[in-house]
Amino acid sequence: MCRECFTEVLEVEPTPDLGFQQVKHSRSLDAGWRPVAVDREKLGPGALGAEIATLTFGTLRRCEFDAARADELHVAVFDGYFAGLREAGWQGPVEPVRLGYTAAIALRWTVLAGIVRMVVDGAESVRTSQGTLVPAEAVLEQRVRLAEFLLDRADKARRLAADAT
């Protein structure tokens, strides 16, 4: 499935107008880290689930959650978002939400070129949004795992899109 196909998938099912969505989940992934809300003020209409892709991808890209555990983050964010949709009264099926979320993550593929550059040229240390310095070696390891996660989501999005047709 090509980039345009993922983009088309994201245009199929619009996000219901539910305003500010609470995102809740039953388990804390790491001490001190727990998503509590998705503020859709600046997002506008789009596919169900697409707006939370930025939360998952950005958290991993900024080295704020171990990419070796990316699937745990992925599940917690999605489950919390879907529970929030239900709490707000939306009763649609889970499939288009999962497809929108997964396809939107897969569309972050452009970061792969930067990851390849890091492998060749070396990475630089980065600071998380909390100010923690992440050493260059850890950044490179995190980004390689992020690349694996992105490619896995692209495969999953292709399967979900095929099942939806």
C-alpha atoms as a PDB file:
ATOM      1  CA  MET A   1       0.000   0.000   0.000  1.00  0.00           C
ATOM      2  CA  CYS A   2       1.372   3.410  -0.951  1.00  0.00           C
ATOM      3  CA  ARG A   3       1.452   6.708   0.930  1.00  0.00           C
ATOM      4  CA  GLU A   4      -1.490   8.031  -1.107  1.00  0.00           C
ATOM      5  CA  CYS A   5      -3.492   4.939  -0.154  1.00  0.00           C
ATOM      6  CA  PHE A   6      -2.918   5.616   3.563  1.00  0.00           C
ATOM      7  CA  THR A   7      -3.901   9.235   2.988  1.00  0.00           C
ATOM      8  CA  GLU A   8      -7.119   8.095   1.295  1.00  0.00           C
ATOM      9  CA  VAL A   9      -7.861   5.785   4.230  1.00  0.00           C
ATOM     10  CA  LEU A  10      -7.580   8.731   6.593  1.00  0.00           C
ATOM     11  CA  GLU A  11     -10.151  10.693   4.593  1.00  0.00           C
ATOM     12  CA  VAL A  12     -12.846   7.997   4.729  1.00  0.00           C
ATOM     13  CA  GLU A  13     -14.215   8.173   8.275  1.00  0.00           C
ATOM     14  CA  PRO A  14     -14.344  11.663   9.843  1.00  0.00           C
ATOM     15  CA  THR A  15     -13.743  12.159  13.535  1.00  0.00           C
ATOM     16  CA  PRO A  16     -16.984  12.846  15.410  1.00  0.00           C
ATOM     17  CA  ASP A  17     -17.193  16.315  16.935  1.00  0.00           C
ATOM     18  CA  LEU A  18     -16.679  15.406  20.571  1.00  0.00           C
ATOM     19  CA  GLY A  19     -14.535  18.387  21.562  1.00  0.00           C
ATOM     20  CA  PHE A  20     -12.033  17.724  24.328  1.00  0.00           C
ATOM     21  CA  GLN A  21     -11.504  13.992  24.814  1.00  0.00           C
ATOM     22  CA  GLN A  22     -10.291  12.464  28.025  1.00  0.00           C
ATOM     23  CA  VAL A  23      -7.888   9.616  27.494  1.00  0.00           C
ATOM     24  CA  LYS A  24      -7.851   7.137  30.343  1.00  0.00           C
ATOM     25  CA  HIS A  25      -6.209   3.792  30.771  1.00  0.00           C
ATOM     26  CA  SER A  26      -6.120   1.378  33.645  1.00  0.00           C
ATOM     27  CA  ARG A  27      -2.393   0.912  33.959  1.00  0.00           C
ATOM     28  CA  SER A  28       0.521   3.260  34.320  1.00  0.00           C
ATOM     29  CA  LEU A  29       3.321   2.387  31.903  1.00  0.00           C
ATOM     30  CA  ASP A  30       6.150   4.057  33.782  1.00  0.00           C
ATOM     31  CA  ALA A  31       6.188   5.918  37.053  1.00  0.00           C
ATOM     32  CA  GLY A  32       5.345   9.521  36.294  1.00  0.00           C
ATOM     33  CA  TRP A  33       4.176   8.889  32.704  1.00  0.00           C
ATOM     34  CA  ARG A  34       0.496   8.648  32.007  1.00  0.00           C
ATOM     35  CA  PRO A  35      -1.479  10.209  29.159  1.00  0.00           C
ATOM     36  CA  VAL A  36      -4.487  12.036  30.534  1.00  0.00           C
ATOM     37  CA  ALA A  37      -5.977  13.964  27.610  1.00  0.00           C
ATOM     38  CA  VAL A  38      -5.942  14.705  23.920  1.00  0.00           C
ATOM     39  CA  ASP A  39      -6.708  18.350  23.186  1.00  0.00           C
ATOM     40  CA  ARG A  40      -8.244  18.510  19.707  1.00  0.00           C
ATOM     41  CA  GLU A  41      -8.475  22.316  19.633  1.00  0.00           C
ATOM     42  CA  LYS A  42      -5.916  22.690  16.835  1.00  0.00           C
ATOM     43  CA  LEU A  43      -6.600  19.493  14.941  1.00  0.00           C
ATOM     44  CA  GLY A  44      -9.858  19.991  13.075  1.00  0.00           C
ATOM     45  CA  PRO A  45     -11.683  17.233  11.206  1.00  0.00           C
ATOM     46  CA  GLY A  46      -9.868  14.055  10.274  1.00  0.00           C
ATOM     47  CA  ALA A  47      -9.981  10.293  10.520  1.00  0.00           C
ATOM     48  CA  LEU A  48     -10.907   8.644  13.770  1.00  0.00           C
ATOM     49  CA  GLY A  49      -7.741   7.837  15.710  1.00  0.00           C
ATOM     50  CA  ALA A  50      -5.404   9.894  13.535  1.00  0.00           C
ATOM     51  CA  GLU A  51      -4.921  12.652  16.094  1.00  0.00           C
ATOM     52  CA  ILE A  52      -3.426  10.306  18.694  1.00  0.00           C
ATOM     53  CA  ALA A  53      -0.730   9.091  16.289  1.00  0.00           C
ATOM     54  CA  THR A  54       1.217  12.253  17.093  1.00  0.00           C
ATOM     55  CA  LEU A  55       1.097  11.441  20.801  1.00  0.00           C
ATOM     56  CA  THR A  56       2.549   7.960  20.276  1.00  0.00           C
ATOM     57  CA  PHE A  57       5.065   8.861  17.581  1.00  0.00           C
ATOM     58  CA  GLY A  58       6.214  12.104  19.213  1.00  0.00           C
ATOM     59  CA  THR A  59       6.702  10.456  22.591  1.00  0.00           C
ATOM     60  CA  LEU A  60       8.922   7.802  21.019  1.00  0.00           C
ATOM     61  CA  ARG A  61      10.791  10.244  18.744  1.00  0.00           C
ATOM     62  CA  ARG A  62      11.648  12.513  21.683  1.00  0.00           C
ATOM     63  CA  CYS A  63      13.053   9.506  23.626  1.00  0.00           C
ATOM     64  CA  GLU A  64      10.453   9.990  26.351  1.00  0.00           C
ATOM     65  CA  PHE A  65       9.423   6.333  26.359  1.00  0.00           C
ATOM     66  CA  ASP A  66      11.563   3.295  25.601  1.00  0.00           C
ATOM     67  CA  ALA A  67      10.956   2.324  21.971  1.00  0.00           C
ATOM     68  CA  ALA A  68      11.668  -1.298  22.900  1.00  0.00           C
ATOM     69  CA  ARG A  69       8.265  -1.086  24.617  1.00  0.00           C
ATOM     70  CA  ALA A  70       6.551   0.854  21.809  1.00  0.00           C
ATOM     71  CA  ASP A  71       3.778  -1.720  21.492  1.00  0.00           C
ATOM     72  CA  GLU A  72       2.813  -1.117  25.144  1.00  0.00           C
ATOM     73  CA  LEU A  73       2.564   2.617  24.497  1.00  0.00           C
ATOM     74  CA  HIS A  74       0.642   1.991  21.278  1.00  0.00           C
ATOM     75  CA  VAL A  75      -1.929  -0.187  23.078  1.00  0.00           C
ATOM     76  CA  ALA A  76      -2.296   2.141  26.083  1.00  0.00           C
ATOM     77  CA  VAL A  77      -2.834   5.234  23.922  1.00  0.00           C
ATOM     78  CA  PHE A  78      -5.300   3.496  21.624  1.00  0.00           C
ATOM     79  CA  ASP A  79      -7.260   1.830  24.418  1.00  0.00           C
ATOM     80  CA  GLY A  80      -7.500   5.080  26.353  1.00  0.00           C
ATOM     81  CA  TYR A  81      -8.611   7.005  23.274  1.00  0.00           C
ATOM     82  CA  PHE A  82     -11.235   4.425  22.344  1.00  0.00           C
ATOM     83  CA  ALA A  83     -12.558   4.360  25.919  1.00  0.00           C
ATOM     84  CA  GLY A  84     -12.805   8.165  25.738  1.00  0.00           C
ATOM     85  CA  LEU A  85     -14.834   7.920  22.528  1.00  0.00           C
ATOM     86  CA  ARG A  86     -17.215   5.525  24.264  1.00  0.00           C
ATOM     87  CA  GLU A  87     -17.478   7.758  27.336  1.00  0.00           C
ATOM     88  CA  ALA A  88     -18.364  10.669  25.082  1.00  0.00           C
ATOM     89  CA  GLY A  89     -21.190   8.659  23.546  1.00  0.00           C
ATOM     90  CA  TRP A  90     -19.699   7.513  20.257  1.00  0.00           C
ATOM     91  CA  GLN A  91     -20.844   3.953  19.497  1.00  0.00           C
ATOM     92  CA  GLY A  92     -19.183   3.215  16.163  1.00  0.00           C
ATOM     93  CA  PRO A  93     -17.045   0.155  15.435  1.00  0.00           C
ATOM     94  CA  VAL A  94     -13.412  -0.134  16.570  1.00  0.00           C
ATOM     95  CA  GLU A  95     -12.010  -1.055  13.128  1.00  0.00           C
ATOM     96  CA  PRO A  96     -12.008   2.400  11.458  1.00  0.00           C
ATOM     97  CA  VAL A  97     -10.530   3.920  14.617  1.00  0.00           C
ATOM     98  CA  ARG A  98      -7.710   1.357  14.703  1.00  0.00           C
ATOM     99  CA  LEU A  99      -7.097   1.829  10.968  1.00  0.00           C
ATOM    100  CA  GLY A 100      -7.012   5.637  11.251  1.00  0.00           C
ATOM    101  CA  TYR A 101      -4.556   5.501  14.154  1.00  0.00           C
ATOM    102  CA  THR A 102      -2.301   2.880  12.573  1.00  0.00           C
ATOM    103  CA  ALA A 103      -2.257   4.507   9.122  1.00  0.00           C
ATOM    104  CA  ALA A 104      -1.482   7.918  10.638  1.00  0.00           C
ATOM    105  CA  ILE A 105       1.506   6.429  12.484  1.00  0.00           C
ATOM    106  CA  ALA A 106       2.695   4.716   9.297  1.00  0.00           C
ATOM    107  CA  LEU A 107       2.654   8.061   7.476  1.00  0.00           C
ATOM    108  CA  ARG A 108       5.496   9.228   9.742  1.00  0.00           C
ATOM    109  CA  TRP A 109       7.811   7.141   7.504  1.00  0.00           C
ATOM    110  CA  THR A 110       9.781  10.201   6.366  1.00  0.00           C
ATOM    111  CA  VAL A 111      11.711  10.026   9.641  1.00  0.00           C
ATOM    112  CA  LEU A 112      13.363   6.842   8.334  1.00  0.00           C
ATOM    113  CA  ALA A 113      15.762   8.845   6.123  1.00  0.00           C
ATOM    114  CA  GLY A 114      16.994  10.733   9.174  1.00  0.00           C
ATOM    115  CA  ILE A 115      17.446   7.491  11.077  1.00  0.00           C
ATOM    116  CA  VAL A 116      19.550   6.040   8.251  1.00  0.00           C
ATOM    117  CA  ARG A 117      21.668   9.229   8.315  1.00  0.00           C
ATOM    118  CA  MET A 118      22.160   8.743  12.064  1.00  0.00           C
ATOM    119  CA  VAL A 119      23.341   5.172  11.525  1.00  0.00           C
ATOM    120  CA  VAL A 120      25.895   6.352   8.940  1.00  0.00           C
ATOM    121  CA  ASP A 121      26.981   9.682  10.440  1.00  0.00           C
ATOM    122  CA  GLY A 122      26.267   9.132  14.124  1.00  0.00           C
ATOM    123  CA  ALA A 123      23.581  10.589  16.352  1.00  0.00           C
ATOM    124  CA  GLU A 124      23.692  13.598  18.625  1.00  0.00           C
ATOM    125  CA  SER A 125      22.497  13.743  22.205  1.00  0.00           C
ATOM    126  CA  VAL A 126      19.008  15.176  22.692  1.00  0.00           C
ATOM    127  CA  ARG A 127      17.042  16.605  25.592  1.00  0.00           C
ATOM    128  CA  THR A 128      13.574  15.338  26.402  1.00  0.00           C
ATOM    129  CA  SER A 129      10.786  17.824  27.043  1.00  0.00           C
ATOM    130  CA  GLN A 130      11.531  17.353  30.768  1.00  0.00           C
ATOM    131  CA  GLY A 131      15.153  18.382  30.195  1.00  0.00           C
ATOM    132  CA  THR A 132      16.753  14.960  30.585  1.00  0.00           C
ATOM    133  CA  LEU A 133      19.863  14.552  28.425  1.00  0.00           C
ATOM    134  CA  VAL A 134      19.731  11.380  26.320  1.00  0.00           C
ATOM    135  CA  PRO A 135      23.212  10.259  25.183  1.00  0.00           C
ATOM    136  CA  ALA A 136      23.852   9.899  21.440  1.00  0.00           C
ATOM    137  CA  GLU A 137      24.198   6.104  21.615  1.00  0.00           C
ATOM    138  CA  ALA A 138      20.812   5.797  23.355  1.00  0.00           C
ATOM    139  CA  VAL A 139      19.235   8.176  20.809  1.00  0.00           C
ATOM    140  CA  LEU A 140      20.477   6.002  17.949  1.00  0.00           C
ATOM    141  CA  GLU A 141      19.172   2.831  19.605  1.00  0.00           C
ATOM    142  CA  GLN A 142      15.812   4.522  20.253  1.00  0.00           C
ATOM    143  CA  ARG A 143      15.507   5.715  16.654  1.00  0.00           C
ATOM    144  CA  VAL A 144      16.356   2.306  15.193  1.00  0.00           C
ATOM    145  CA  ARG A 145      13.627   0.778  17.350  1.00  0.00           C
ATOM    146  CA  LEU A 146      11.294   3.587  16.261  1.00  0.00           C
ATOM    147  CA  ALA A 147      12.026   2.676  12.623  1.00  0.00           C
ATOM    148  CA  GLU A 148      11.088  -0.942  13.356  1.00  0.00           C
ATOM    149  CA  PHE A 149       7.864   0.238  15.034  1.00  0.00           C
ATOM    150  CA  LEU A 150       6.967   2.475  12.067  1.00  0.00           C
ATOM    151  CA  LEU A 151       7.543  -0.300   9.546  1.00  0.00           C
ATOM    152  CA  ASP A 152       5.499  -2.694  11.659  1.00  0.00           C
ATOM    153  CA  ARG A 153       2.623  -0.164  11.832  1.00  0.00           C
ATOM    154  CA  ALA A 154       2.775   0.253   8.032  1.00  0.00           C
ATOM    155  CA  ASP A 155       2.377  -3.517   7.617  1.00  0.00           C
ATOM    156  CA  LYS A 156      -0.486  -3.522  10.126  1.00  0.00           C
ATOM    157  CA  ALA A 157      -2.199  -0.577   8.373  1.00  0.00           C
ATOM    158  CA  ARG A 158      -1.977  -2.393   5.038  1.00  0.00           C
ATOM    159  CA  ARG A 159      -3.637  -5.470   6.568  1.00  0.00           C
ATOM    160  CA  LEU A 160      -6.355  -3.398   8.260  1.00  0.00           C
ATOM    161  CA  ALA A 161      -7.074  -1.495   5.038  1.00  0.00           C
ATOM    162  CA  ALA A 162      -7.305  -4.756   3.079  1.00  0.00           C
ATOM    163  CA  ASP A 163      -9.718  -6.158   5.673  1.00  0.00           C
ATOM    164  CA  ALA A 164     -11.845  -2.991   5.451  1.00  0.00           C
ATOM    165  CA  THR A 165     -12.386  -3.369   1.710  1.00  0.00           C
END
